[in-house]
């Protein structure tokens, strides 16, 4: 990953799980980003993230509620100000929720809540930060597309594959599947970052797993 050099990155849902581990591993790289924006709904309650930020001046915690357009707009304005005229190179839409229900117990309310977070939220966030991503493209001399230049990465799950229908017998979670193998978070995120380093315009719109393999829709 020698050529993988991201100057600025924003990760949603960064207070726990994959989001937190992404931030942590990007900070541990030999060439960490100059700015990492870690967003979450409640920064005051994100103690692990605050501890990390106290040790890394290039990490900024930003309040962002993915289902609230006002919050998204405010976060974009804050990030723009902190970038001081520079663009944003990588946006990772990681925040997501799952309602563990069976097909019989699924409700319109669950569907609406999960869609608002997992589908509509990433769209509105991408729209809000698109001008900063375009600015990063203009600043770059690199040819082609890559995560080092400018990219939007939407995190999902193999449960979103219509063909694979992963682990249906253990729980249908229909709302989550419609909107989106045991391992540690550390291992999974290392695979994700390795995959990010290899992406180009050929993978635009593709559904790719943590190992870089194409998944069926």
C-alpha atoms as a PDB file:
ATOM      1  CA  UNK A   1       0.000   0.000   0.000  1.00  0.00           C
ATOM      2  CA  UNK A   2       3.009   2.262  -0.523  1.00  0.00           C
ATOM      3  CA  UNK A   3       1.108   4.477  -2.983  1.00  0.00           C
ATOM      4  CA  UNK A   4      -1.963   4.784  -0.748  1.00  0.00           C
ATOM      5  CA  UNK A   5      -1.771   8.276   0.714  1.00  0.00           C
ATOM      6  CA  UNK A   6      -5.032   9.904   1.860  1.00  0.00           C
ATOM      7  CA  UNK A   7      -4.624  13.527   2.962  1.00  0.00           C
ATOM      8  CA  UNK A   8      -8.069  13.909   4.530  1.00  0.00           C
ATOM      9  CA  UNK A   9     -10.770  11.429   5.433  1.00  0.00           C
ATOM     10  CA  UNK A  10     -14.212  11.482   7.047  1.00  0.00           C
ATOM     11  CA  UNK A  11     -15.759   8.414   8.674  1.00  0.00           C
ATOM     12  CA  UNK A  12     -19.369   8.369   9.873  1.00  0.00           C
ATOM     13  CA  UNK A  13     -20.405   6.248  12.846  1.00  0.00           C
ATOM     14  CA  UNK A  14     -16.844   6.416  14.163  1.00  0.00           C
ATOM     15  CA  UNK A  15     -17.566   6.025  17.874  1.00  0.00           C
ATOM     16  CA  UNK A  16     -17.590   2.206  17.856  1.00  0.00           C
ATOM     17  CA  UNK A  17     -17.186  -0.969  15.827  1.00  0.00           C
ATOM     18  CA  UNK A  18     -15.823  -0.796  12.298  1.00  0.00           C
ATOM     19  CA  UNK A  19     -15.950   3.010  12.198  1.00  0.00           C
ATOM     20  CA  UNK A  20     -13.799   3.379  15.303  1.00  0.00           C
ATOM     21  CA  UNK A  21     -11.358   0.723  14.097  1.00  0.00           C
ATOM     22  CA  UNK A  22     -11.039   2.441  10.715  1.00  0.00           C
ATOM     23  CA  UNK A  23     -10.092   5.694  12.429  1.00  0.00           C
ATOM     24  CA  UNK A  24      -7.674   3.893  14.744  1.00  0.00           C
ATOM     25  CA  UNK A  25      -5.891   2.019  11.959  1.00  0.00           C
ATOM     26  CA  UNK A  26      -5.642   5.073   9.712  1.00  0.00           C
ATOM     27  CA  UNK A  27      -3.972   6.899  12.622  1.00  0.00           C
ATOM     28  CA  UNK A  28      -1.524   4.006  13.078  1.00  0.00           C
ATOM     29  CA  UNK A  29      -0.321   4.098   9.478  1.00  0.00           C
ATOM     30  CA  UNK A  30       3.225   5.218   8.712  1.00  0.00           C
ATOM     31  CA  UNK A  31       1.710   8.003   6.577  1.00  0.00           C
ATOM     32  CA  UNK A  32      -1.502   8.925   8.454  1.00  0.00           C
ATOM     33  CA  UNK A  33      -3.939  11.456   6.956  1.00  0.00           C
ATOM     34  CA  UNK A  34      -3.313  15.100   7.781  1.00  0.00           C
ATOM     35  CA  UNK A  35      -6.945  15.325   8.898  1.00  0.00           C
ATOM     36  CA  UNK A  36      -9.320  12.597  10.052  1.00  0.00           C
ATOM     37  CA  UNK A  37     -12.885  13.676  10.765  1.00  0.00           C
ATOM     38  CA  UNK A  38     -14.647  11.123  12.974  1.00  0.00           C
ATOM     39  CA  UNK A  39     -18.380  11.708  13.187  1.00  0.00           C
ATOM     40  CA  UNK A  40     -20.935  10.386  15.649  1.00  0.00           C
ATOM     41  CA  UNK A  41     -24.336  11.369  17.038  1.00  0.00           C
ATOM     42  CA  UNK A  42     -23.131  12.108  20.562  1.00  0.00           C
ATOM     43  CA  UNK A  43     -19.465  13.175  20.815  1.00  0.00           C
ATOM     44  CA  UNK A  44     -19.783  13.741  24.573  1.00  0.00           C
ATOM     45  CA  UNK A  45     -20.522  10.056  25.088  1.00  0.00           C
ATOM     46  CA  UNK A  46     -17.811   8.773  22.744  1.00  0.00           C
ATOM     47  CA  UNK A  47     -15.121   8.330  25.401  1.00  0.00           C
ATOM     48  CA  UNK A  48     -12.868   5.963  23.433  1.00  0.00           C
ATOM     49  CA  UNK A  49     -12.907   8.339  20.486  1.00  0.00           C
ATOM     50  CA  UNK A  50     -12.140  11.294  22.761  1.00  0.00           C
ATOM     51  CA  UNK A  51      -9.218   9.400  24.279  1.00  0.00           C
ATOM     52  CA  UNK A  52      -7.888   8.748  20.796  1.00  0.00           C
ATOM     53  CA  UNK A  53      -8.291  12.399  19.803  1.00  0.00           C
ATOM     54  CA  UNK A  54      -6.354  13.535  22.889  1.00  0.00           C
ATOM     55  CA  UNK A  55      -3.317  11.623  21.564  1.00  0.00           C
ATOM     56  CA  UNK A  56      -3.682  12.551  17.894  1.00  0.00           C
ATOM     57  CA  UNK A  57      -4.008  16.245  16.948  1.00  0.00           C
ATOM     58  CA  UNK A  58      -4.953  15.288  13.370  1.00  0.00           C
ATOM     59  CA  UNK A  59      -8.166  13.617  14.619  1.00  0.00           C
ATOM     60  CA  UNK A  60     -11.238  15.849  14.873  1.00  0.00           C
ATOM     61  CA  UNK A  61     -14.544  14.625  16.315  1.00  0.00           C
ATOM     62  CA  UNK A  62     -17.579  16.067  14.528  1.00  0.00           C
ATOM     63  CA  UNK A  63     -21.203  15.808  15.643  1.00  0.00           C
ATOM     64  CA  UNK A  64     -23.359  14.356  12.871  1.00  0.00           C
ATOM     65  CA  UNK A  65     -26.742  12.643  12.956  1.00  0.00           C
ATOM     66  CA  UNK A  66     -27.114  10.815   9.644  1.00  0.00           C
ATOM     67  CA  UNK A  67     -30.928  11.118   9.606  1.00  0.00           C
ATOM     68  CA  UNK A  68     -30.927  14.882  10.248  1.00  0.00           C
ATOM     69  CA  UNK A  69     -30.271  17.128   7.207  1.00  0.00           C
ATOM     70  CA  UNK A  70     -29.614  20.130   9.473  1.00  0.00           C
ATOM     71  CA  UNK A  71     -26.950  18.203  11.381  1.00  0.00           C
ATOM     72  CA  UNK A  72     -25.377  16.996   8.120  1.00  0.00           C
ATOM     73  CA  UNK A  73     -25.250  20.526   6.711  1.00  0.00           C
ATOM     74  CA  UNK A  74     -23.654  21.842   9.922  1.00  0.00           C
ATOM     75  CA  UNK A  75     -21.054  19.060   9.884  1.00  0.00           C
ATOM     76  CA  UNK A  76     -20.155  19.791   6.263  1.00  0.00           C
ATOM     77  CA  UNK A  77     -19.737  23.488   7.075  1.00  0.00           C
ATOM     78  CA  UNK A  78     -17.490  22.696  10.031  1.00  0.00           C
ATOM     79  CA  UNK A  79     -15.321  20.307   8.022  1.00  0.00           C
ATOM     80  CA  UNK A  80     -15.030  22.847   5.224  1.00  0.00           C
ATOM     81  CA  UNK A  81     -13.821  25.455   7.702  1.00  0.00           C
ATOM     82  CA  UNK A  82     -11.269  23.115   9.266  1.00  0.00           C
ATOM     83  CA  UNK A  83      -9.898  22.114   5.850  1.00  0.00           C
ATOM     84  CA  UNK A  84      -9.099  25.795   5.251  1.00  0.00           C
ATOM     85  CA  UNK A  85      -9.631  25.793   1.509  1.00  0.00           C
ATOM     86  CA  UNK A  86      -8.489  22.234   0.821  1.00  0.00           C
ATOM     87  CA  UNK A  87     -10.689  19.399  -0.378  1.00  0.00           C
ATOM     88  CA  UNK A  88     -11.834  16.189   1.292  1.00  0.00           C
ATOM     89  CA  UNK A  89     -10.218  13.120  -0.248  1.00  0.00           C
ATOM     90  CA  UNK A  90     -12.165  10.204   1.204  1.00  0.00           C
ATOM     91  CA  UNK A  91     -15.708   9.952   2.575  1.00  0.00           C
ATOM     92  CA  UNK A  92     -16.598   6.649   4.230  1.00  0.00           C
ATOM     93  CA  UNK A  93     -20.329   6.264   4.889  1.00  0.00           C
ATOM     94  CA  UNK A  94     -20.037   3.699   7.660  1.00  0.00           C
ATOM     95  CA  UNK A  95     -22.869   4.566  10.075  1.00  0.00           C
ATOM     96  CA  UNK A  96     -25.674   2.018  10.021  1.00  0.00           C
ATOM     97  CA  UNK A  97     -28.226   0.226  12.175  1.00  0.00           C
ATOM     98  CA  UNK A  98     -29.922  -3.145  12.134  1.00  0.00           C
ATOM     99  CA  UNK A  99     -33.241  -4.203  13.613  1.00  0.00           C
ATOM    100  CA  UNK A 100     -33.120  -7.901  14.477  1.00  0.00           C
ATOM    101  CA  UNK A 101     -36.535  -9.062  13.396  1.00  0.00           C
ATOM    102  CA  UNK A 102     -38.072 -11.961  11.522  1.00  0.00           C
ATOM    103  CA  UNK A 103     -39.977 -11.583   8.269  1.00  0.00           C
ATOM    104  CA  UNK A 104     -43.248 -11.919  10.182  1.00  0.00           C
ATOM    105  CA  UNK A 105     -42.323  -9.271  12.753  1.00  0.00           C
ATOM    106  CA  UNK A 106     -40.975  -6.649  10.331  1.00  0.00           C
ATOM    107  CA  UNK A 107     -42.867  -3.341  10.524  1.00  0.00           C
ATOM    108  CA  UNK A 108     -43.148  -0.203   8.377  1.00  0.00           C
ATOM    109  CA  UNK A 109     -41.651   1.755  11.279  1.00  0.00           C
ATOM    110  CA  UNK A 110     -38.552  -0.481  11.351  1.00  0.00           C
ATOM    111  CA  UNK A 111     -38.218  -0.243   7.584  1.00  0.00           C
ATOM    112  CA  UNK A 112     -38.454   3.551   7.641  1.00  0.00           C
ATOM    113  CA  UNK A 113     -35.927   3.917  10.462  1.00  0.00           C
ATOM    114  CA  UNK A 114     -33.378   1.573   8.885  1.00  0.00           C
ATOM    115  CA  UNK A 115     -33.770   3.096   5.420  1.00  0.00           C
ATOM    116  CA  UNK A 116     -33.362   6.609   6.835  1.00  0.00           C
ATOM    117  CA  UNK A 117     -30.053   5.605   8.437  1.00  0.00           C
ATOM    118  CA  UNK A 118     -28.612   3.066   6.007  1.00  0.00           C
ATOM    119  CA  UNK A 119     -29.807   4.371   2.637  1.00  0.00           C
ATOM    120  CA  UNK A 120     -31.122   7.931   2.676  1.00  0.00           C
ATOM    121  CA  UNK A 121     -28.520   9.137   5.189  1.00  0.00           C
ATOM    122  CA  UNK A 122     -25.475   8.199   3.086  1.00  0.00           C
ATOM    123  CA  UNK A 123     -27.094   9.850   0.046  1.00  0.00           C
ATOM    124  CA  UNK A 124     -27.681  13.168   1.828  1.00  0.00           C
ATOM    125  CA  UNK A 125     -24.208  13.059   3.405  1.00  0.00           C
ATOM    126  CA  UNK A 126     -22.609  12.397   0.015  1.00  0.00           C
ATOM    127  CA  UNK A 127     -24.476  15.342  -1.474  1.00  0.00           C
ATOM    128  CA  UNK A 128     -23.377  17.634   1.363  1.00  0.00           C
ATOM    129  CA  UNK A 129     -19.692  16.719   1.076  1.00  0.00           C
ATOM    130  CA  UNK A 130     -19.553  16.401  -2.708  1.00  0.00           C
ATOM    131  CA  UNK A 131     -18.238  19.966  -3.248  1.00  0.00           C
ATOM    132  CA  UNK A 132     -15.274  19.201  -0.960  1.00  0.00           C
ATOM    133  CA  UNK A 133     -14.605  15.929  -2.780  1.00  0.00           C
ATOM    134  CA  UNK A 134     -14.692  17.739  -6.122  1.00  0.00           C
ATOM    135  CA  UNK A 135     -12.239  20.273  -4.720  1.00  0.00           C
ATOM    136  CA  UNK A 136      -9.861  17.441  -3.822  1.00  0.00           C
ATOM    137  CA  UNK A 137     -10.065  16.188  -7.422  1.00  0.00           C
ATOM    138  CA  UNK A 138      -9.174  19.626  -8.735  1.00  0.00           C
ATOM    139  CA  UNK A 139      -6.160  19.789  -6.413  1.00  0.00           C
ATOM    140  CA  UNK A 140      -4.818  16.393  -7.449  1.00  0.00           C
ATOM    141  CA  UNK A 141      -2.403  15.709 -10.293  1.00  0.00           C
ATOM    142  CA  UNK A 142      -3.174  11.972 -10.200  1.00  0.00           C
ATOM    143  CA  UNK A 143      -4.712  10.341 -13.249  1.00  0.00           C
ATOM    144  CA  UNK A 144      -7.773   8.165 -12.903  1.00  0.00           C
ATOM    145  CA  UNK A 145      -9.763   7.646  -9.731  1.00  0.00           C
ATOM    146  CA  UNK A 146      -8.568   6.310  -6.398  1.00  0.00           C
ATOM    147  CA  UNK A 147      -9.158   6.696  -2.676  1.00  0.00           C
ATOM    148  CA  UNK A 148      -5.988   8.801  -2.527  1.00  0.00           C
ATOM    149  CA  UNK A 149      -7.516  11.286  -4.980  1.00  0.00           C
ATOM    150  CA  UNK A 150     -11.201  11.452  -4.032  1.00  0.00           C
ATOM    151  CA  UNK A 151     -13.820   8.791  -3.401  1.00  0.00           C
ATOM    152  CA  UNK A 152     -17.066   7.959  -1.627  1.00  0.00           C
ATOM    153  CA  UNK A 153     -17.130   4.534   0.016  1.00  0.00           C
ATOM    154  CA  UNK A 154     -20.504   3.203   1.184  1.00  0.00           C
ATOM    155  CA  UNK A 155     -20.036   0.441   3.746  1.00  0.00           C
ATOM    156  CA  UNK A 156     -22.589  -2.342   3.523  1.00  0.00           C
ATOM    157  CA  UNK A 157     -22.820  -6.053   4.289  1.00  0.00           C
ATOM    158  CA  UNK A 158     -23.087  -9.289   2.360  1.00  0.00           C
ATOM    159  CA  UNK A 159     -26.582  -9.424   3.851  1.00  0.00           C
ATOM    160  CA  UNK A 160     -27.414  -6.855   1.173  1.00  0.00           C
ATOM    161  CA  UNK A 161     -26.829  -9.415  -1.583  1.00  0.00           C
ATOM    162  CA  UNK A 162     -30.090 -10.640  -3.092  1.00  0.00           C
ATOM    163  CA  UNK A 163     -28.359 -13.691  -4.569  1.00  0.00           C
ATOM    164  CA  UNK A 164     -26.387 -14.853  -1.533  1.00  0.00           C
ATOM    165  CA  UNK A 165     -29.117 -14.235   1.107  1.00  0.00           C
ATOM    166  CA  UNK A 166     -26.527 -14.654   3.850  1.00  0.00           C
ATOM    167  CA  UNK A 167     -27.623 -16.505   7.030  1.00  0.00           C
ATOM    168  CA  UNK A 168     -31.365 -16.195   6.310  1.00  0.00           C
ATOM    169  CA  UNK A 169     -32.110 -19.103   8.640  1.00  0.00           C
ATOM    170  CA  UNK A 170     -30.591 -17.250  11.611  1.00  0.00           C
ATOM    171  CA  UNK A 171     -32.657 -14.087  11.236  1.00  0.00           C
ATOM    172  CA  UNK A 172     -34.324 -12.431   8.288  1.00  0.00           C
ATOM    173  CA  UNK A 173     -33.611  -8.769   9.270  1.00  0.00           C
ATOM    174  CA  UNK A 174     -35.445  -7.763   6.107  1.00  0.00           C
ATOM    175  CA  UNK A 175     -35.080  -4.008   6.596  1.00  0.00           C
ATOM    176  CA  UNK A 176     -31.309  -4.309   7.001  1.00  0.00           C
ATOM    177  CA  UNK A 177     -30.939  -6.614   3.985  1.00  0.00           C
ATOM    178  CA  UNK A 178     -32.977  -4.286   1.819  1.00  0.00           C
ATOM    179  CA  UNK A 179     -30.935  -1.267   2.836  1.00  0.00           C
ATOM    180  CA  UNK A 180     -27.483  -3.088   2.770  1.00  0.00           C
ATOM    181  CA  UNK A 181     -17.723 -15.364   8.334  1.00  0.00           C
ATOM    182  CA  UNK A 182     -16.678 -14.735  11.776  1.00  0.00           C
ATOM    183  CA  UNK A 183     -13.596 -12.528  12.267  1.00  0.00           C
ATOM    184  CA  UNK A 184     -12.280  -9.821  14.577  1.00  0.00           C
ATOM    185  CA  UNK A 185     -12.959  -6.154  13.825  1.00  0.00           C
ATOM    186  CA  UNK A 186      -9.196  -5.585  13.611  1.00  0.00           C
ATOM    187  CA  UNK A 187      -8.773  -8.256  10.932  1.00  0.00           C
ATOM    188  CA  UNK A 188     -11.772  -7.087   8.952  1.00  0.00           C
ATOM    189  CA  UNK A 189     -10.690  -3.426   8.935  1.00  0.00           C
ATOM    190  CA  UNK A 190      -7.151  -4.329   7.857  1.00  0.00           C
ATOM    191  CA  UNK A 191      -8.730  -6.082   4.886  1.00  0.00           C
ATOM    192  CA  UNK A 192     -10.977  -3.076   4.192  1.00  0.00           C
ATOM    193  CA  UNK A 193      -8.076  -0.611   4.184  1.00  0.00           C
ATOM    194  CA  UNK A 194      -6.029  -2.923   1.955  1.00  0.00           C
ATOM    195  CA  UNK A 195      -8.983  -3.075  -0.451  1.00  0.00           C
ATOM    196  CA  UNK A 196      -9.387   0.719  -0.405  1.00  0.00           C
ATOM    197  CA  UNK A 197      -5.772   1.100  -1.483  1.00  0.00           C
ATOM    198  CA  UNK A 198      -6.461  -0.875  -4.677  1.00  0.00           C
ATOM    199  CA  UNK A 199      -9.715   0.727  -5.839  1.00  0.00           C
ATOM    200  CA  UNK A 200      -9.876   2.647  -9.124  1.00  0.00           C
ATOM    201  CA  UNK A 201     -12.526   3.878 -11.555  1.00  0.00           C
ATOM    202  CA  UNK A 202     -13.084   0.234 -12.595  1.00  0.00           C
ATOM    203  CA  UNK A 203     -14.762  -0.436  -9.231  1.00  0.00           C
ATOM    204  CA  UNK A 204     -17.162   2.518  -9.386  1.00  0.00           C
ATOM    205  CA  UNK A 205     -20.590   1.300  -8.292  1.00  0.00           C
ATOM    206  CA  UNK A 206     -19.330  -2.194  -7.486  1.00  0.00           C
ATOM    207  CA  UNK A 207     -20.338  -4.307  -4.477  1.00  0.00           C
ATOM    208  CA  UNK A 208     -17.012  -5.502  -3.018  1.00  0.00           C
ATOM    209  CA  UNK A 209     -16.289  -7.453   0.154  1.00  0.00           C
ATOM    210  CA  UNK A 210     -13.555  -6.730   2.694  1.00  0.00           C
ATOM    211  CA  UNK A 211     -11.123  -8.934   0.761  1.00  0.00           C
ATOM    212  CA  UNK A 212     -11.611  -7.010  -2.476  1.00  0.00           C
ATOM    213  CA  UNK A 213     -13.755  -9.678  -4.159  1.00  0.00           C
ATOM    214  CA  UNK A 214     -16.832  -8.745  -6.168  1.00  0.00           C
ATOM    215  CA  UNK A 215     -20.141  -9.775  -4.586  1.00  0.00           C
ATOM    216  CA  UNK A 216     -23.364 -10.477  -6.518  1.00  0.00           C
ATOM    217  CA  UNK A 217     -26.228  -8.042  -5.970  1.00  0.00           C
END
